[in-house]
Amino acid sequence: MINAKLDHRRWIRRMGCDCGQSILELALVAPLLIVILVGAAEFGRLAFAAVEVANAASAGARYGAQNGSTASDTTGISNAAANDAGNLTGLSTTSSISCICSDGTAASCTDNSACSTSNIEENVTVNTQVSFDPLIHLPGFPTTFTLKGQAIQKCLQ
């Protein structure tokens, strides 16, 4: 029995003892892993907010494109965009109406005679914007990011 213990100790001395080396490696690498994890989470939040802003613009454009009266309803367009982006605060929405002839030439929305050989088409353009504030501010990076979305939809006649 004593010989077995001595043989075991000799074997450990020959192989070298790595006692505690794994803990030391983990202690050295853990801060880097935490920084990478936090960065990935922050990038995910930024991507989610960017998709929300783009979807809000699309929802506002879909509302405005229902007919001619909803195209000029800026309050309804803003409400539709805000309802779609329920997770974002501070969303600003602007909308505009533009007209074009069905043959592709430019037209005025007030002058129906501009499209003599084709029909006039009304388009609703909705722009959304929100300021994104990251949880962790890093040197060299801006403290806020402005995320923008735009959607253009042809009005139904």
Protein backbone atom coordinates (compact mmCIF):
# COMPACT_ATOMS: atom_id res chain seq x y z
CA MET A 1 0.00 0.00 0.00
CA ILE A 2 2.82 2.39 0.89
CA ASN A 3 4.62 1.51 -2.31
CA ALA A 4 1.48 2.33 -4.30
CA LYS A 5 1.27 5.81 -2.74
CA LEU A 6 4.96 6.44 -3.38
CA ASP A 7 4.63 5.27 -6.96
CA HIS A 8 1.63 7.57 -7.44
CA ARG A 9 3.53 10.56 -6.03
CA ARG A 10 6.56 9.82 -8.22
CA TRP A 11 4.31 9.57 -11.24
CA ILE A 12 2.69 12.99 -10.44
CA ARG A 13 6.13 14.59 -10.03
CA ARG A 14 7.28 13.18 -13.35
CA MET A 15 4.14 14.32 -15.19
CA GLY A 16 4.10 17.76 -13.59
CA CYS A 17 1.23 19.05 -11.54
CA ASP A 18 -1.39 21.20 -13.31
CA CYS A 19 -3.37 21.80 -10.15
CA GLY A 20 -5.29 25.07 -10.45
CA GLN A 21 -4.18 25.86 -14.00
CA SER A 22 -7.72 25.58 -15.38
CA ILE A 23 -9.03 28.05 -12.81
CA LEU A 24 -6.25 30.48 -13.68
CA GLU A 25 -6.99 30.20 -17.41
CA LEU A 26 -10.68 30.78 -16.76
CA ALA A 27 -9.90 33.83 -14.63
CA LEU A 28 -7.78 35.28 -17.43
CA VAL A 29 -10.27 34.58 -20.24
CA ALA A 30 -13.56 35.32 -18.42
CA PRO A 31 -13.39 39.14 -18.77
CA LEU A 32 -12.86 38.83 -22.51
CA LEU A 33 -15.76 36.41 -22.82
CA ILE A 34 -18.01 38.75 -20.84
CA VAL A 35 -17.10 41.69 -23.09
CA ILE A 36 -17.88 39.62 -26.19
CA LEU A 37 -21.20 38.48 -24.70
CA VAL A 38 -22.26 42.02 -23.75
CA GLY A 39 -21.25 43.29 -27.20
CA ALA A 40 -23.31 40.60 -28.91
CA ALA A 41 -26.34 41.42 -26.75
CA GLU A 42 -25.97 45.14 -27.49
CA PHE A 43 -25.69 44.45 -31.22
CA GLY A 44 -28.84 42.33 -31.00
CA ARG A 45 -30.73 45.18 -29.30
CA LEU A 46 -29.56 47.57 -32.02
CA ALA A 47 -30.64 45.20 -34.80
CA PHE A 48 -34.04 44.65 -33.15
CA ALA A 49 -34.63 48.41 -32.88
CA ALA A 50 -33.61 48.91 -36.53
CA VAL A 51 -36.13 46.29 -37.66
CA GLU A 52 -38.82 47.88 -35.47
CA VAL A 53 -38.21 51.30 -37.06
CA ALA A 54 -38.39 49.86 -40.59
CA ASN A 55 -41.55 47.89 -39.78
CA ALA A 56 -43.15 51.00 -38.26
CA ALA A 57 -42.57 52.91 -41.49
CA SER A 58 -44.10 50.04 -43.44
CA ALA A 59 -47.17 49.94 -41.18
CA GLY A 60 -47.68 53.69 -41.55
CA ALA A 61 -47.38 53.44 -45.34
CA ARG A 62 -49.87 50.56 -45.47
CA TYR A 63 -52.35 52.62 -43.46
CA GLY A 64 -51.88 55.67 -45.66
CA ALA A 65 -52.17 53.68 -48.89
CA GLN A 66 -55.74 52.52 -48.21
CA ASN A 67 -57.31 55.40 -50.13
CA GLY A 68 -56.93 59.11 -50.88
CA SER A 69 -58.29 60.30 -47.55
CA THR A 70 -56.02 58.08 -45.42
CA ALA A 71 -53.04 59.20 -47.51
CA SER A 72 -53.44 62.72 -46.14
CA ASP A 73 -54.26 61.57 -42.57
CA THR A 74 -50.87 62.26 -40.97
CA THR A 75 -52.20 61.58 -37.46
CA GLY A 76 -53.51 58.16 -38.48
CA ILE A 77 -50.24 57.33 -40.24
CA SER A 78 -48.25 58.34 -37.15
CA ASN A 79 -50.54 56.29 -34.89
CA ALA A 80 -50.23 53.22 -37.12
CA ALA A 81 -46.43 53.53 -37.07
CA ALA A 82 -46.33 54.06 -33.29
CA ASN A 83 -48.65 51.09 -32.66
CA ASP A 84 -46.40 48.84 -34.74
CA ALA A 85 -43.29 49.98 -32.85
CA GLY A 86 -44.69 49.53 -29.36
CA ASN A 87 -41.28 48.68 -27.87
CA LEU A 88 -39.66 51.95 -28.96
CA THR A 89 -39.99 55.30 -27.23
CA GLY A 90 -39.49 58.61 -28.98
CA LEU A 91 -40.45 57.46 -32.48
CA SER A 92 -40.95 60.38 -34.86
CA THR A 93 -42.92 59.93 -38.07
CA THR A 94 -43.25 62.12 -41.15
CA SER A 95 -45.30 61.37 -44.22
CA SER A 96 -45.73 62.89 -47.64
CA ILE A 97 -47.74 62.28 -50.78
CA SER A 98 -46.22 62.26 -54.25
CA CYS A 99 -47.76 61.66 -57.63
CA ILE A 100 -46.48 60.08 -60.80
CA CYS A 101 -48.05 59.16 -64.11
CA SER A 102 -48.48 55.45 -64.73
CA ASP A 103 -46.11 55.76 -67.71
CA GLY A 104 -43.35 56.91 -65.33
CA THR A 105 -43.32 60.67 -65.96
CA ALA A 106 -43.46 63.09 -63.05
CA ALA A 107 -46.80 64.64 -62.21
CA SER A 108 -48.33 67.13 -59.82
CA CYS A 109 -50.94 65.84 -57.41
CA THR A 110 -53.08 68.94 -57.98
CA ASP A 111 -52.98 68.90 -61.80
CA ASN A 112 -54.82 65.87 -63.18
CA SER A 113 -54.21 66.97 -66.78
CA ALA A 114 -50.46 66.30 -66.44
CA CYS A 115 -51.00 62.65 -67.33
CA SER A 116 -52.82 63.02 -70.64
CA THR A 117 -51.98 59.56 -71.99
CA SER A 118 -51.88 57.66 -68.69
CA ASN A 119 -53.37 57.57 -65.21
CA ILE A 120 -52.06 59.47 -62.21
CA GLU A 121 -50.80 57.35 -59.33
CA GLU A 122 -50.55 58.60 -55.75
CA ASN A 123 -47.72 57.32 -53.52
CA VAL A 124 -47.40 57.67 -49.76
CA THR A 125 -43.90 57.99 -48.32
CA VAL A 126 -43.45 57.44 -44.59
CA ASN A 127 -40.18 58.17 -42.78
CA THR A 128 -39.61 57.02 -39.21
CA GLN A 129 -36.75 57.86 -36.89
CA VAL A 130 -35.74 57.00 -33.33
CA SER A 131 -32.70 57.64 -31.17
CA PHE A 132 -31.13 54.44 -29.80
CA ASP A 133 -29.16 54.70 -26.56
CA PRO A 134 -26.89 51.70 -25.87
CA LEU A 135 -26.67 50.33 -22.34
CA ILE A 136 -22.88 50.52 -22.30
CA HIS A 137 -20.99 53.47 -23.77
CA LEU A 138 -17.61 52.67 -25.24
CA PRO A 139 -14.89 55.21 -25.98
CA GLY A 140 -14.71 56.05 -29.66
CA PHE A 141 -18.34 55.17 -30.31
CA PRO A 142 -21.24 57.64 -30.31
CA THR A 143 -23.41 57.76 -27.20
CA THR A 144 -26.61 57.52 -29.29
CA PHE A 145 -27.43 56.12 -32.70
CA THR A 146 -30.16 57.47 -34.98
CA LEU A 147 -32.12 54.68 -36.64
CA LYS A 148 -34.21 55.54 -39.69
CA GLY A 149 -36.83 53.71 -41.69
CA GLN A 150 -38.60 54.56 -44.93
CA ALA A 151 -41.47 52.97 -46.81
CA ILE A 152 -43.16 54.01 -50.06
CA GLN A 153 -46.55 52.56 -50.90
CA LYS A 154 -48.82 53.11 -53.88
CA CYS A 155 -52.30 54.30 -52.87
CA LEU A 156 -55.25 52.16 -53.77
CA GLN A 157 -57.74 54.02 -55.94
